[in-house]
Amino acid sequence: MTQKELAYVEDAIGHESNIITILQETIKNIEDEKLKNFLQTELSEHTKTKEKLISKLEVNANVWSIING
């Protein structure tokens, strides 16, 4: 993974973290159950996306560790 790609993934993780925080706060403060359920689904999807991105970084770090090890 190039430095540019690595920076992109790190930025994407930050964006996902921000979205997750906003969704969590919004879910706490709304009463409409249909909207709350929708936002909980979105929260789950963004959490999965963040986990996938973190996994990509971990794989990249492991590869570099093996190469440079």
PDB file of N, CA and C in Angstrom:
ATOM      1  N   MET A   1       0.858  -1.166   0.000  1.00  0.00           N
ATOM      2  CA  MET A   1       0.000   0.000   0.000  1.00  0.00           C
ATOM      3  C   MET A   1       0.910   1.237   0.000  1.00  0.00           C
ATOM      4  N   THR A   2       0.634   2.146  -0.906  1.00  0.00           N
ATOM      5  CA  THR A   2       1.440   3.367  -0.981  1.00  0.00           C
ATOM      6  C   THR A   2       1.100   4.303   0.172  1.00  0.00           C
ATOM      7  N   GLN A   3       1.945   5.292   0.380  1.00  0.00           N
ATOM      8  CA  GLN A   3       1.685   6.279   1.429  1.00  0.00           C
ATOM      9  C   GLN A   3       0.381   7.022   1.157  1.00  0.00           C
ATOM     10  N   LYS A   4       0.129   7.310  -0.110  1.00  0.00           N
ATOM     11  CA  LYS A   4      -1.110   8.016  -0.472  1.00  0.00           C
ATOM     12  C   LYS A   4      -2.334   7.150  -0.151  1.00  0.00           C
ATOM     13  N   GLU A   5      -2.250   5.871  -0.476  1.00  0.00           N
ATOM     14  CA  GLU A   5      -3.358   4.958  -0.171  1.00  0.00           C
ATOM     15  C   GLU A   5      -3.540   4.818   1.342  1.00  0.00           C
ATOM     16  N   LEU A   6      -2.430   4.731   2.047  1.00  0.00           N
ATOM     17  CA  LEU A   6      -2.484   4.626   3.505  1.00  0.00           C
ATOM     18  C   LEU A   6      -3.154   5.862   4.109  1.00  0.00           C
ATOM     19  N   ALA A   7      -2.799   7.029   3.612  1.00  0.00           N
ATOM     20  CA  ALA A   7      -3.417   8.268   4.100  1.00  0.00           C
ATOM     21  C   ALA A   7      -4.913   8.283   3.798  1.00  0.00           C
ATOM     22  N   TYR A   8      -5.288   7.792   2.625  1.00  0.00           N
ATOM     23  CA  TYR A   8      -6.698   7.734   2.259  1.00  0.00           C
ATOM     24  C   TYR A   8      -7.469   6.832   3.224  1.00  0.00           C
ATOM     25  N   VAL A   9      -6.921   5.670   3.523  1.00  0.00           N
ATOM     26  CA  VAL A   9      -7.590   4.735   4.434  1.00  0.00           C
ATOM     27  C   VAL A   9      -7.697   5.342   5.833  1.00  0.00           C
ATOM     28  N   GLU A  10      -6.639   5.987   6.283  1.00  0.00           N
ATOM     29  CA  GLU A  10      -6.676   6.628   7.600  1.00  0.00           C
ATOM     30  C   GLU A  10      -7.740   7.734   7.642  1.00  0.00           C
ATOM     31  N   ASP A  11      -7.833   8.518   6.581  1.00  0.00           N
ATOM     32  CA  ASP A  11      -8.879   9.548   6.509  1.00  0.00           C
ATOM     33  C   ASP A  11     -10.269   8.925   6.533  1.00  0.00           C
ATOM     34  N   ALA A  12     -10.436   7.850   5.796  1.00  0.00           N
ATOM     35  CA  ALA A  12     -11.737   7.175   5.736  1.00  0.00           C
ATOM     36  C   ALA A  12     -12.137   6.644   7.114  1.00  0.00           C
ATOM     37  N   ILE A  13     -11.172   6.115   7.850  1.00  0.00           N
ATOM     38  CA  ILE A  13     -11.454   5.636   9.216  1.00  0.00           C
ATOM     39  C   ILE A  13     -11.912   6.802  10.087  1.00  0.00           C
ATOM     40  N   GLY A  14     -11.259   7.937   9.952  1.00  0.00           N
ATOM     41  CA  GLY A  14     -11.661   9.119  10.712  1.00  0.00           C
ATOM     42  C   GLY A  14     -13.067   9.570  10.364  1.00  0.00           C
ATOM     43  N   HIS A  15     -13.393   9.539   9.078  1.00  0.00           N
ATOM     44  CA  HIS A  15     -14.743   9.926   8.655  1.00  0.00           C
ATOM     45  C   HIS A  15     -15.782   8.961   9.213  1.00  0.00           C
ATOM     46  N   GLU A  16     -15.476   7.675   9.154  1.00  0.00           N
ATOM     47  CA  GLU A  16     -16.409   6.676   9.691  1.00  0.00           C
ATOM     48  C   GLU A  16     -16.587   6.879  11.196  1.00  0.00           C
ATOM     49  N   SER A  17     -15.511   7.182  11.898  1.00  0.00           N
ATOM     50  CA  SER A  17     -15.602   7.431  13.343  1.00  0.00           C
ATOM     51  C   SER A  17     -16.513   8.612  13.639  1.00  0.00           C
ATOM     52  N   ASN A  18     -16.370   9.671  12.848  1.00  0.00           N
ATOM     53  CA  ASN A  18     -17.240  10.840  13.032  1.00  0.00           C
ATOM     54  C   ASN A  18     -18.705  10.495  12.777  1.00  0.00           C
ATOM     55  N   ILE A  19     -18.965   9.759  11.716  1.00  0.00           N
ATOM     56  CA  ILE A  19     -20.342   9.362  11.398  1.00  0.00           C
ATOM     57  C   ILE A  19     -20.913   8.505  12.529  1.00  0.00           C
ATOM     58  N   ILE A  20     -20.109   7.575  13.032  1.00  0.00           N
ATOM     59  CA  ILE A  20     -20.549   6.698  14.117  1.00  0.00           C
ATOM     60  C   ILE A  20     -20.920   7.524  15.352  1.00  0.00           C
ATOM     61  N   THR A  21     -20.085   8.490  15.696  1.00  0.00           N
ATOM     62  CA  THR A  21     -20.362   9.347  16.854  1.00  0.00           C
ATOM     63  C   THR A  21     -21.660  10.125  16.663  1.00  0.00           C
ATOM     64  N   ILE A  22     -21.836  10.699  15.488  1.00  0.00           N
ATOM     65  CA  ILE A  22     -23.063  11.460  15.202  1.00  0.00           C
ATOM     66  C   ILE A  22     -24.290  10.560  15.281  1.00  0.00           C
ATOM     67  N   LEU A  23     -24.196   9.369  14.704  1.00  0.00           N
ATOM     68  CA  LEU A  23     -25.335   8.440  14.752  1.00  0.00           C
ATOM     69  C   LEU A  23     -25.651   8.043  16.189  1.00  0.00           C
ATOM     70  N   GLN A  24     -24.637   7.735  16.985  1.00  0.00           N
ATOM     71  CA  GLN A  24     -24.863   7.342  18.382  1.00  0.00           C
ATOM     72  C   GLN A  24     -25.553   8.456  19.169  1.00  0.00           C
ATOM     73  N   GLU A  25     -25.093   9.674  18.991  1.00  0.00           N
ATOM     74  CA  GLU A  25     -25.697  10.810  19.696  1.00  0.00           C
ATOM     75  C   GLU A  25     -27.130  11.054  19.227  1.00  0.00           C
ATOM     76  N   THR A  26     -27.350  10.926  17.946  1.00  0.00           N
ATOM     77  CA  THR A  26     -28.692  11.144  17.402  1.00  0.00           C
ATOM     78  C   THR A  26     -29.655  10.077  17.909  1.00  0.00           C
ATOM     79  N   ILE A  27     -29.201   8.825  17.919  1.00  0.00           N
ATOM     80  CA  ILE A  27     -30.047   7.724  18.401  1.00  0.00           C
ATOM     81  C   ILE A  27     -30.459   7.966  19.851  1.00  0.00           C
ATOM     82  N   LYS A  28     -29.540   8.489  20.661  1.00  0.00           N
ATOM     83  CA  LYS A  28     -29.849   8.767  22.066  1.00  0.00           C
ATOM     84  C   LYS A  28     -30.937   9.827  22.218  1.00  0.00           C
ATOM     85  N   ASN A  29     -31.009  10.743  21.267  1.00  0.00           N
ATOM     86  CA  ASN A  29     -31.852  11.930  21.435  1.00  0.00           C
ATOM     87  C   ASN A  29     -33.149  11.932  20.644  1.00  0.00           C
ATOM     88  N   ILE A  30     -33.464  10.865  19.939  1.00  0.00           N
ATOM     89  CA  ILE A  30     -34.721  10.860  19.185  1.00  0.00           C
ATOM     90  C   ILE A  30     -35.692   9.863  19.794  1.00  0.00           C
ATOM     91  N   GLU A  31     -36.961  10.111  19.542  1.00  0.00           N
ATOM     92  CA  GLU A  31     -38.000   9.247  20.098  1.00  0.00           C
ATOM     93  C   GLU A  31     -38.703   8.413  19.038  1.00  0.00           C
ATOM     94  N   ASP A  32     -38.661   8.839  17.794  1.00  0.00           N
ATOM     95  CA  ASP A  32     -39.326   8.119  16.699  1.00  0.00           C
ATOM     96  C   ASP A  32     -38.649   6.762  16.501  1.00  0.00           C
ATOM     97  N   GLU A  33     -39.379   5.689  16.800  1.00  0.00           N
ATOM     98  CA  GLU A  33     -38.813   4.337  16.757  1.00  0.00           C
ATOM     99  C   GLU A  33     -38.404   3.909  15.349  1.00  0.00           C
ATOM    100  N   LYS A  34     -39.191   4.285  14.340  1.00  0.00           N
ATOM    101  CA  LYS A  34     -38.823   3.920  12.964  1.00  0.00           C
ATOM    102  C   LYS A  34     -37.512   4.579  12.568  1.00  0.00           C
ATOM    103  N   LEU A  35     -37.382   5.838  12.898  1.00  0.00           N
ATOM    104  CA  LEU A  35     -36.145   6.556  12.585  1.00  0.00           C
ATOM    105  C   LEU A  35     -34.990   5.998  13.403  1.00  0.00           C
ATOM    106  N   LYS A  36     -35.238   5.704  14.656  1.00  0.00           N
ATOM    107  CA  LYS A  36     -34.197   5.134  15.513  1.00  0.00           C
ATOM    108  C   LYS A  36     -33.709   3.799  14.962  1.00  0.00           C
ATOM    109  N   ASN A  37     -34.640   2.945  14.510  1.00  0.00           N
ATOM    110  CA  ASN A  37     -34.258   1.654  13.925  1.00  0.00           C
ATOM    111  C   ASN A  37     -33.441   1.835  12.656  1.00  0.00           C
ATOM    112  N   PHE A  38     -33.848   2.791  11.829  1.00  0.00           N
ATOM    113  CA  PHE A  38     -33.097   3.076  10.611  1.00  0.00           C
ATOM    114  C   PHE A  38     -31.672   3.516  10.951  1.00  0.00           C
ATOM    115  N   LEU A  39     -31.547   4.424  11.909  1.00  0.00           N
ATOM    116  CA  LEU A  39     -30.228   4.928  12.287  1.00  0.00           C
ATOM    117  C   LEU A  39     -29.374   3.843  12.936  1.00  0.00           C
ATOM    118  N   GLN A  40     -29.993   2.929  13.658  1.00  0.00           N
ATOM    119  CA  GLN A  40     -29.242   1.820  14.244  1.00  0.00           C
ATOM    120  C   GLN A  40     -28.693   0.894  13.153  1.00  0.00           C
ATOM    121  N   THR A  41     -29.474   0.711  12.090  1.00  0.00           N
ATOM    122  CA  THR A  41     -28.989  -0.072  10.946  1.00  0.00           C
ATOM    123  C   THR A  41     -27.804   0.636  10.293  1.00  0.00           C
ATOM    124  N   GLU A  42     -27.935   1.947  10.122  1.00  0.00           N
ATOM    125  CA  GLU A  42     -26.839   2.733   9.546  1.00  0.00           C
ATOM    126  C   GLU A  42     -25.597   2.663  10.444  1.00  0.00           C
ATOM    127  N   LEU A  43     -25.806   2.751  11.743  1.00  0.00           N
ATOM    128  CA  LEU A  43     -24.702   2.661  12.694  1.00  0.00           C
ATOM    129  C   LEU A  43     -23.969   1.333  12.540  1.00  0.00           C
ATOM    130  N   SER A  44     -24.722   0.266  12.416  1.00  0.00           N
ATOM    131  CA  SER A  44     -24.134  -1.056  12.235  1.00  0.00           C
ATOM    132  C   SER A  44     -23.302  -1.119  10.955  1.00  0.00           C
ATOM    133  N   GLU A  45     -23.827  -0.570   9.871  1.00  0.00           N
ATOM    134  CA  GLU A  45     -23.115  -0.590   8.589  1.00  0.00           C
ATOM    135  C   GLU A  45     -21.827   0.235   8.658  1.00  0.00           C
ATOM    136  N   HIS A  46     -21.888   1.387   9.277  1.00  0.00           N
ATOM    137  CA  HIS A  46     -20.684   2.230   9.366  1.00  0.00           C
ATOM    138  C   HIS A  46     -19.646   1.617  10.307  1.00  0.00           C
ATOM    139  N   THR A  47     -20.111   0.931  11.339  1.00  0.00           N
ATOM    140  CA  THR A  47     -19.194   0.227  12.232  1.00  0.00           C
ATOM    141  C   THR A  47     -18.476  -0.885  11.485  1.00  0.00           C
ATOM    142  N   LYS A  48     -19.209  -1.633  10.666  1.00  0.00           N
ATOM    143  CA  LYS A  48     -18.597  -2.699   9.851  1.00  0.00           C
ATOM    144  C   LYS A  48     -17.583  -2.124   8.872  1.00  0.00           C
ATOM    145  N   THR A  49     -17.933  -1.015   8.252  1.00  0.00           N
ATOM    146  CA  THR A  49     -17.022  -0.380   7.301  1.00  0.00           C
ATOM    147  C   THR A  49     -15.738   0.042   8.000  1.00  0.00           C
ATOM    148  N   LYS A  50     -15.861   0.661   9.168  1.00  0.00           N
ATOM    149  CA  LYS A  50     -14.687   1.089   9.925  1.00  0.00           C
ATOM    150  C   LYS A  50     -13.822  -0.114  10.285  1.00  0.00           C
ATOM    151  N   GLU A  51     -14.441  -1.206  10.717  1.00  0.00           N
ATOM    152  CA  GLU A  51     -13.701  -2.414  11.078  1.00  0.00           C
ATOM    153  C   GLU A  51     -12.965  -2.991   9.873  1.00  0.00           C
ATOM    154  N   LYS A  52     -13.595  -2.960   8.696  1.00  0.00           N
ATOM    155  CA  LYS A  52     -12.934  -3.443   7.481  1.00  0.00           C
ATOM    156  C   LYS A  52     -11.719  -2.590   7.137  1.00  0.00           C
ATOM    157  N   LEU A  53     -11.858  -1.286   7.272  1.00  0.00           N
ATOM    158  CA  LEU A  53     -10.743  -0.390   6.979  1.00  0.00           C
ATOM    159  C   LEU A  53      -9.589  -0.616   7.959  1.00  0.00           C
ATOM    160  N   ILE A  54      -9.911  -0.774   9.222  1.00  0.00           N
ATOM    161  CA  ILE A  54      -8.881  -1.044  10.224  1.00  0.00           C
ATOM    162  C   ILE A  54      -8.188  -2.367   9.913  1.00  0.00           C
ATOM    163  N   SER A  55      -8.956  -3.345   9.494  1.00  0.00           N
ATOM    164  CA  SER A  55      -8.385  -4.641   9.121  1.00  0.00           C
ATOM    165  C   SER A  55      -7.396  -4.497   7.969  1.00  0.00           C
ATOM    166  N   LYS A  56      -7.724  -3.650   6.994  1.00  0.00           N
ATOM    167  CA  LYS A  56      -6.811  -3.396   5.873  1.00  0.00           C
ATOM    168  C   LYS A  56      -5.487  -2.827   6.380  1.00  0.00           C
ATOM    169  N   LEU A  57      -5.568  -1.891   7.327  1.00  0.00           N
ATOM    170  CA  LEU A  57      -4.350  -1.322   7.885  1.00  0.00           C
ATOM    171  C   LEU A  57      -3.537  -2.370   8.633  1.00  0.00           C
ATOM    172  N   GLU A  58      -4.224  -3.237   9.379  1.00  0.00           N
ATOM    173  CA  GLU A  58      -3.525  -4.291  10.126  1.00  0.00           C
ATOM    174  C   GLU A  58      -2.835  -5.259   9.183  1.00  0.00           C
ATOM    175  N   VAL A  59      -3.504  -5.628   8.098  1.00  0.00           N
ATOM    176  CA  VAL A  59      -2.898  -6.519   7.108  1.00  0.00           C
ATOM    177  C   VAL A  59      -1.674  -5.852   6.500  1.00  0.00           C
ATOM    178  N   ASN A  60      -1.818  -4.577   6.159  1.00  0.00           N
ATOM    179  CA  ASN A  60      -0.700  -3.830   5.590  1.00  0.00           C
ATOM    180  C   ASN A  60       0.481  -3.788   6.567  1.00  0.00           C
ATOM    181  N   ALA A  61       0.194  -3.535   7.839  1.00  0.00           N
ATOM    182  CA  ALA A  61       1.249  -3.476   8.852  1.00  0.00           C
ATOM    183  C   ALA A  61       1.934  -4.834   8.997  1.00  0.00           C
ATOM    184  N   ASN A  62       1.153  -5.900   8.948  1.00  0.00           N
ATOM    185  CA  ASN A  62       1.728  -7.246   9.054  1.00  0.00           C
ATOM    186  C   ASN A  62       2.611  -7.565   7.865  1.00  0.00           C
ATOM    187  N   VAL A  63       2.201  -7.168   6.680  1.00  0.00           N
ATOM    188  CA  VAL A  63       2.997  -7.413   5.480  1.00  0.00           C
ATOM    189  C   VAL A  63       4.324  -6.664   5.586  1.00  0.00           C
ATOM    190  N   TRP A  64       4.248  -5.389   5.983  1.00  0.00           N
ATOM    191  CA  TRP A  64       5.481  -4.612   6.140  1.00  0.00           C
ATOM    192  C   TRP A  64       6.382  -5.193   7.210  1.00  0.00           C
ATOM    193  N   SER A  65       5.795  -5.727   8.262  1.00  0.00           N
ATOM    194  CA  SER A  65       6.567  -6.343   9.326  1.00  0.00           C
ATOM    195  C   SER A  65       7.310  -7.571   8.804  1.00  0.00           C
ATOM    196  N   ILE A  66       6.652  -8.357   7.995  1.00  0.00           N
ATOM    197  CA  ILE A  66       7.266  -9.560   7.425  1.00  0.00           C
ATOM    198  C   ILE A  66       8.380  -9.166   6.453  1.00  0.00           C
ATOM    199  N   ILE A  67       8.102  -8.196   5.611  1.00  0.00           N
ATOM    200  CA  ILE A  67       9.087  -7.765   4.610  1.00  0.00           C
ATOM    201  C   ILE A  67      10.330  -7.168   5.281  1.00  0.00           C
ATOM    202  N   ASN A  68      10.095  -6.340   6.285  1.00  0.00           N
ATOM    203  CA  ASN A  68      11.194  -5.624   6.932  1.00  0.00           C
ATOM    204  C   ASN A  68      11.733  -6.330   8.180  1.00  0.00           C
ATOM    205  N   GLY A  69      11.072  -7.423   8.536  1.00  0.00           N
ATOM    206  CA  GLY A  69      11.309  -8.075   9.783  1.00  0.00           C
ATOM    207  C   GLY A  69      12.577  -8.677  10.060  1.00  0.00           C
TER     208      GLY A  69
END
